[in-house]
Amino acid sequence: MRKTINIAGREVELKATASTIRKYRNWFGRDLMVDFKKITKTATNGVEVTTDVIEIIEDLTYVMARQADPSIPGNVDEWLDSFDAFPVQDFAIDVVALWAESLSVKIEPKNA
């Protein structure tokens, strides 16, 4: 699944696939499913957004951007430094929704 989002005036293509969760774990040493629960808890309980949640969204955005464009630097800090600003609140919902949508199974009935 692909989606283009705007980050601080720059169009960034994202790609979410079956390997997103593995790449996230390999690159950041964390479990995306556990981290996703932190994001969900923050969003549903009105809990104040923490630096942990911001970092999770930054890292997930990076993984999906790099999947869409392998020419992106191999280091998340280098990539983040290429932006003048990184207003997570402006695109977090799109990033999380794209990844969550990539997990859903779509089966079409054979006799439809």
N, C-alpha and C. Protein backbone atom coordinates (compact mmCIF):
# COMPACT_ATOMS: atom_id res chain seq x y z
N MET A 1 0.83 -1.15 0.00
CA MET A 1 0.00 0.00 0.00
C MET A 1 0.89 1.23 0.00
N ARG A 2 0.48 2.22 -0.74
CA ARG A 2 1.25 3.46 -0.85
C ARG A 2 0.37 4.67 -0.57
N LYS A 3 1.02 5.70 -0.07
CA LYS A 3 0.33 6.96 0.18
C LYS A 3 1.38 8.06 0.18
N THR A 4 1.03 9.21 -0.37
CA THR A 4 1.91 10.36 -0.33
C THR A 4 1.38 11.32 0.72
N ILE A 5 2.28 11.75 1.60
CA ILE A 5 1.91 12.72 2.64
C ILE A 5 2.79 13.95 2.48
N ASN A 6 2.38 15.02 3.12
CA ASN A 6 3.15 16.26 3.08
C ASN A 6 3.80 16.45 4.45
N ILE A 7 5.12 16.57 4.43
CA ILE A 7 5.86 16.83 5.66
C ILE A 7 6.59 18.15 5.48
N ALA A 8 6.13 19.16 6.18
CA ALA A 8 6.75 20.49 6.15
C ALA A 8 6.96 21.00 4.73
N GLY A 9 5.94 20.82 3.89
CA GLY A 9 6.00 21.31 2.52
C GLY A 9 6.65 20.39 1.51
N ARG A 10 7.09 19.22 1.95
CA ARG A 10 7.72 18.26 1.05
C ARG A 10 6.81 17.03 0.90
N GLU A 11 6.59 16.62 -0.34
CA GLU A 11 5.81 15.42 -0.59
C GLU A 11 6.70 14.19 -0.31
N VAL A 12 6.20 13.29 0.53
CA VAL A 12 6.95 12.09 0.90
C VAL A 12 6.06 10.90 0.64
N GLU A 13 6.54 9.98 -0.20
CA GLU A 13 5.78 8.77 -0.47
C GLU A 13 6.08 7.73 0.59
N LEU A 14 5.04 7.06 1.07
CA LEU A 14 5.18 5.99 2.05
C LEU A 14 4.71 4.69 1.43
N LYS A 15 5.30 3.61 1.87
CA LYS A 15 4.91 2.28 1.41
C LYS A 15 4.86 1.37 2.63
N ALA A 16 3.72 0.73 2.81
CA ALA A 16 3.57 -0.24 3.90
C ALA A 16 3.35 -1.61 3.29
N THR A 17 4.16 -2.57 3.73
CA THR A 17 4.06 -3.93 3.20
C THR A 17 4.16 -4.92 4.37
N ALA A 18 4.13 -6.17 4.02
CA ALA A 18 4.27 -7.22 5.03
C ALA A 18 5.62 -7.12 5.75
N SER A 19 6.62 -6.54 5.11
CA SER A 19 7.94 -6.47 5.74
C SER A 19 8.12 -5.24 6.62
N THR A 20 7.16 -4.35 6.67
CA THR A 20 7.30 -3.12 7.47
C THR A 20 7.60 -3.45 8.93
N ILE A 21 6.85 -4.37 9.49
CA ILE A 21 7.01 -4.72 10.90
C ILE A 21 8.40 -5.33 11.16
N ARG A 22 8.91 -6.10 10.22
CA ARG A 22 10.24 -6.71 10.37
C ARG A 22 11.35 -5.67 10.25
N LYS A 23 11.20 -4.79 9.27
CA LYS A 23 12.21 -3.74 9.08
C LYS A 23 12.26 -2.83 10.32
N TYR A 24 11.10 -2.49 10.84
CA TYR A 24 11.03 -1.66 12.04
C TYR A 24 11.80 -2.33 13.18
N ARG A 25 11.56 -3.61 13.39
CA ARG A 25 12.25 -4.34 14.46
C ARG A 25 13.75 -4.41 14.19
N ASN A 26 14.14 -4.71 12.95
CA ASN A 26 15.56 -4.83 12.62
C ASN A 26 16.29 -3.49 12.73
N TRP A 27 15.66 -2.40 12.32
CA TRP A 27 16.32 -1.10 12.32
C TRP A 27 16.31 -0.42 13.68
N PHE A 28 15.26 -0.68 14.49
CA PHE A 28 15.13 0.05 15.75
C PHE A 28 15.15 -0.83 16.98
N GLY A 29 15.13 -2.15 16.81
CA GLY A 29 15.21 -3.05 17.95
C GLY A 29 13.98 -3.04 18.84
N ARG A 30 12.86 -2.59 18.29
CA ARG A 30 11.61 -2.55 19.06
C ARG A 30 10.52 -3.28 18.29
N ASP A 31 9.51 -3.69 19.01
CA ASP A 31 8.38 -4.40 18.42
C ASP A 31 7.32 -3.37 18.04
N LEU A 32 6.99 -3.31 16.76
CA LEU A 32 6.02 -2.33 16.28
C LEU A 32 4.63 -2.55 16.87
N MET A 33 4.27 -3.79 17.12
CA MET A 33 2.95 -4.05 17.71
C MET A 33 2.87 -3.48 19.13
N VAL A 34 3.92 -3.61 19.91
CA VAL A 34 3.96 -3.04 21.26
C VAL A 34 3.92 -1.52 21.17
N ASP A 35 4.72 -0.96 20.25
CA ASP A 35 4.75 0.48 20.09
C ASP A 35 3.41 1.01 19.59
N PHE A 36 2.75 0.25 18.74
CA PHE A 36 1.44 0.66 18.22
C PHE A 36 0.43 0.79 19.35
N LYS A 37 0.53 -0.09 20.34
CA LYS A 37 -0.37 -0.01 21.50
C LYS A 37 -0.16 1.31 22.25
N LYS A 38 1.08 1.77 22.33
CA LYS A 38 1.36 3.06 22.99
C LYS A 38 0.68 4.20 22.23
N ILE A 39 0.75 4.15 20.91
CA ILE A 39 0.11 5.19 20.09
C ILE A 39 -1.39 5.15 20.29
N THR A 40 -1.96 3.95 20.25
CA THR A 40 -3.41 3.78 20.39
C THR A 40 -3.87 4.27 21.76
N LYS A 41 -3.12 3.93 22.79
CA LYS A 41 -3.47 4.36 24.15
C LYS A 41 -3.46 5.88 24.25
N THR A 42 -2.48 6.50 23.65
CA THR A 42 -2.39 7.96 23.67
C THR A 42 -3.58 8.58 22.94
N ALA A 43 -3.91 8.02 21.78
CA ALA A 43 -4.98 8.58 20.96
C ALA A 43 -6.36 8.38 21.57
N THR A 44 -6.59 7.22 22.18
CA THR A 44 -7.93 6.91 22.67
C THR A 44 -8.21 7.42 24.08
N ASN A 45 -7.17 7.60 24.87
CA ASN A 45 -7.37 8.02 26.26
C ASN A 45 -7.09 9.50 26.49
N GLY A 46 -6.79 10.21 25.42
CA GLY A 46 -6.51 11.63 25.59
C GLY A 46 -5.27 11.89 26.42
N VAL A 47 -4.38 10.89 26.48
CA VAL A 47 -3.13 11.04 27.23
C VAL A 47 -2.23 11.99 26.47
N GLU A 48 -1.47 12.78 27.20
CA GLU A 48 -0.54 13.72 26.56
C GLU A 48 0.48 12.96 25.73
N VAL A 49 0.77 13.49 24.57
CA VAL A 49 1.74 12.87 23.68
C VAL A 49 3.13 13.01 24.29
N THR A 50 3.83 11.89 24.37
CA THR A 50 5.18 11.88 24.95
C THR A 50 6.23 11.83 23.85
N THR A 51 7.47 12.05 24.24
CA THR A 51 8.55 11.96 23.26
C THR A 51 8.68 10.54 22.74
N ASP A 52 8.31 9.54 23.54
CA ASP A 52 8.33 8.15 23.08
C ASP A 52 7.38 7.96 21.90
N VAL A 53 6.18 8.49 22.02
CA VAL A 53 5.18 8.35 20.96
C VAL A 53 5.63 9.11 19.71
N ILE A 54 6.19 10.29 19.89
CA ILE A 54 6.69 11.04 18.74
C ILE A 54 7.79 10.26 18.04
N GLU A 55 8.69 9.67 18.81
CA GLU A 55 9.78 8.88 18.21
C GLU A 55 9.24 7.66 17.47
N ILE A 56 8.24 7.01 17.99
CA ILE A 56 7.63 5.86 17.32
C ILE A 56 7.09 6.29 15.95
N ILE A 57 6.38 7.41 15.92
CA ILE A 57 5.81 7.89 14.66
C ILE A 57 6.91 8.31 13.69
N GLU A 58 7.94 8.97 14.20
CA GLU A 58 9.08 9.33 13.34
C GLU A 58 9.71 8.08 12.74
N ASP A 59 9.94 7.08 13.57
CA ASP A 59 10.59 5.85 13.10
C ASP A 59 9.71 5.09 12.11
N LEU A 60 8.43 5.00 12.38
CA LEU A 60 7.52 4.31 11.46
C LEU A 60 7.43 5.06 10.13
N THR A 61 7.38 6.38 10.19
CA THR A 61 7.36 7.18 8.97
C THR A 61 8.62 6.93 8.16
N TYR A 62 9.75 6.90 8.83
CA TYR A 62 11.03 6.65 8.17
C TYR A 62 11.05 5.28 7.49
N VAL A 63 10.62 4.26 8.19
CA VAL A 63 10.62 2.91 7.62
C VAL A 63 9.78 2.88 6.35
N MET A 64 8.59 3.43 6.41
CA MET A 64 7.71 3.38 5.25
C MET A 64 8.20 4.29 4.12
N ALA A 65 8.83 5.41 4.44
CA ALA A 65 9.40 6.28 3.42
C ALA A 65 10.57 5.58 2.73
N ARG A 66 11.38 4.90 3.51
CA ARG A 66 12.54 4.20 2.93
C ARG A 66 12.10 2.99 2.10
N GLN A 67 10.99 2.36 2.48
CA GLN A 67 10.46 1.28 1.66
C GLN A 67 10.02 1.82 0.30
N ALA A 68 9.44 3.02 0.30
CA ALA A 68 8.98 3.62 -0.95
C ALA A 68 10.13 4.17 -1.78
N ASP A 69 11.19 4.62 -1.11
CA ASP A 69 12.32 5.24 -1.80
C ASP A 69 13.63 4.81 -1.15
N PRO A 70 14.22 3.73 -1.68
CA PRO A 70 15.47 3.21 -1.09
C PRO A 70 16.65 4.18 -1.14
N SER A 71 16.53 5.29 -1.87
CA SER A 71 17.63 6.25 -1.93
C SER A 71 17.67 7.15 -0.68
N ILE A 72 16.65 7.04 0.17
CA ILE A 72 16.63 7.79 1.42
C ILE A 72 17.81 7.31 2.28
N PRO A 73 18.47 8.24 2.99
CA PRO A 73 19.63 7.85 3.81
C PRO A 73 19.33 6.65 4.71
N GLY A 74 20.34 5.83 4.93
CA GLY A 74 20.20 4.63 5.75
C GLY A 74 20.20 4.89 7.24
N ASN A 75 20.09 6.15 7.62
CA ASN A 75 20.09 6.53 9.02
C ASN A 75 18.93 7.48 9.26
N VAL A 76 18.07 7.16 10.21
CA VAL A 76 16.88 7.98 10.47
C VAL A 76 17.25 9.40 10.86
N ASP A 77 18.32 9.59 11.60
CA ASP A 77 18.72 10.94 12.01
C ASP A 77 19.11 11.80 10.81
N GLU A 78 19.83 11.22 9.86
CA GLU A 78 20.19 11.95 8.64
C GLU A 78 18.93 12.36 7.89
N TRP A 79 17.98 11.44 7.80
CA TRP A 79 16.74 11.73 7.09
C TRP A 79 15.97 12.84 7.78
N LEU A 80 15.84 12.74 9.10
CA LEU A 80 15.12 13.78 9.84
C LEU A 80 15.81 15.13 9.70
N ASP A 81 17.13 15.14 9.67
CA ASP A 81 17.88 16.39 9.51
C ASP A 81 17.64 17.05 8.15
N SER A 82 17.15 16.29 7.18
CA SER A 82 16.89 16.86 5.86
C SER A 82 15.63 17.72 5.84
N PHE A 83 14.86 17.73 6.94
CA PHE A 83 13.65 18.54 7.05
C PHE A 83 13.93 19.75 7.94
N ASP A 84 13.35 20.88 7.59
CA ASP A 84 13.45 22.06 8.45
C ASP A 84 12.61 21.86 9.70
N ALA A 85 11.50 21.18 9.55
CA ALA A 85 10.60 20.86 10.66
C ALA A 85 10.01 19.48 10.39
N PHE A 86 9.55 18.84 11.42
CA PHE A 86 8.94 17.51 11.27
C PHE A 86 7.69 17.48 12.15
N PRO A 87 6.63 18.18 11.70
CA PRO A 87 5.42 18.33 12.51
C PRO A 87 4.58 17.05 12.55
N VAL A 88 4.96 16.14 13.40
CA VAL A 88 4.32 14.83 13.51
C VAL A 88 2.80 14.95 13.63
N GLN A 89 2.34 15.93 14.37
CA GLN A 89 0.90 16.06 14.58
C GLN A 89 0.14 16.29 13.27
N ASP A 90 0.82 16.79 12.23
CA ASP A 90 0.16 17.07 10.96
C ASP A 90 -0.09 15.82 10.12
N PHE A 91 0.66 14.76 10.34
CA PHE A 91 0.54 13.58 9.47
C PHE A 91 0.49 12.25 10.22
N ALA A 92 0.55 12.26 11.52
CA ALA A 92 0.60 11.02 12.30
C ALA A 92 -0.57 10.09 11.99
N ILE A 93 -1.76 10.65 11.88
CA ILE A 93 -2.94 9.82 11.62
C ILE A 93 -2.79 9.10 10.28
N ASP A 94 -2.29 9.78 9.27
CA ASP A 94 -2.11 9.15 7.95
C ASP A 94 -1.09 8.02 8.01
N VAL A 95 0.00 8.23 8.74
CA VAL A 95 1.05 7.21 8.85
C VAL A 95 0.52 5.97 9.56
N VAL A 96 -0.11 6.17 10.70
CA VAL A 96 -0.63 5.05 11.49
C VAL A 96 -1.74 4.34 10.72
N ALA A 97 -2.60 5.08 10.05
CA ALA A 97 -3.70 4.47 9.30
C ALA A 97 -3.17 3.62 8.14
N LEU A 98 -2.14 4.13 7.44
CA LEU A 98 -1.57 3.36 6.33
C LEU A 98 -1.00 2.04 6.83
N TRP A 99 -0.25 2.10 7.92
CA TRP A 99 0.34 0.86 8.44
C TRP A 99 -0.76 -0.09 8.91
N ALA A 100 -1.74 0.41 9.62
CA ALA A 100 -2.83 -0.44 10.11
C ALA A 100 -3.61 -1.05 8.94
N GLU A 101 -3.81 -0.27 7.90
CA GLU A 101 -4.52 -0.78 6.72
C GLU A 101 -3.74 -1.90 6.05
N SER A 102 -2.43 -1.83 6.09
CA SER A 102 -1.61 -2.87 5.46
C SER A 102 -1.73 -4.20 6.21
N LEU A 103 -2.20 -4.17 7.45
CA LEU A 103 -2.38 -5.39 8.23
C LEU A 103 -3.70 -6.09 7.93
N SER A 104 -4.64 -5.35 7.40
CA SER A 104 -5.97 -5.93 7.18
C SER A 104 -5.95 -6.88 6.00
N VAL A 105 -6.76 -7.89 6.11
CA VAL A 105 -6.87 -8.91 5.07
C VAL A 105 -8.10 -8.60 4.25
N LYS A 106 -7.93 -8.57 2.96
CA LYS A 106 -9.06 -8.32 2.07
C LYS A 106 -9.28 -9.56 1.21
N ILE A 107 -10.37 -10.24 1.47
CA ILE A 107 -10.71 -11.43 0.71
C ILE A 107 -12.01 -11.17 -0.03
N GLU A 108 -11.96 -11.38 -1.32
CA GLU A 108 -13.17 -11.21 -2.10
C GLU A 108 -13.83 -12.56 -2.28
N PRO A 109 -15.16 -12.61 -2.13
CA PRO A 109 -15.86 -13.87 -2.30
C PRO A 109 -15.68 -14.43 -3.70
N LYS A 110 -15.54 -15.73 -3.81
CA LYS A 110 -15.34 -16.37 -5.11
C LYS A 110 -16.58 -16.28 -5.99
N ASN A 111 -17.74 -16.36 -5.37
CA ASN A 111 -18.99 -16.39 -6.16
C ASN A 111 -19.75 -15.08 -6.03
N ALA A 112 -19.05 -13.99 -6.11
CA ALA A 112 -19.72 -12.70 -5.94
C ALA A 112 -20.32 -12.23 -7.24
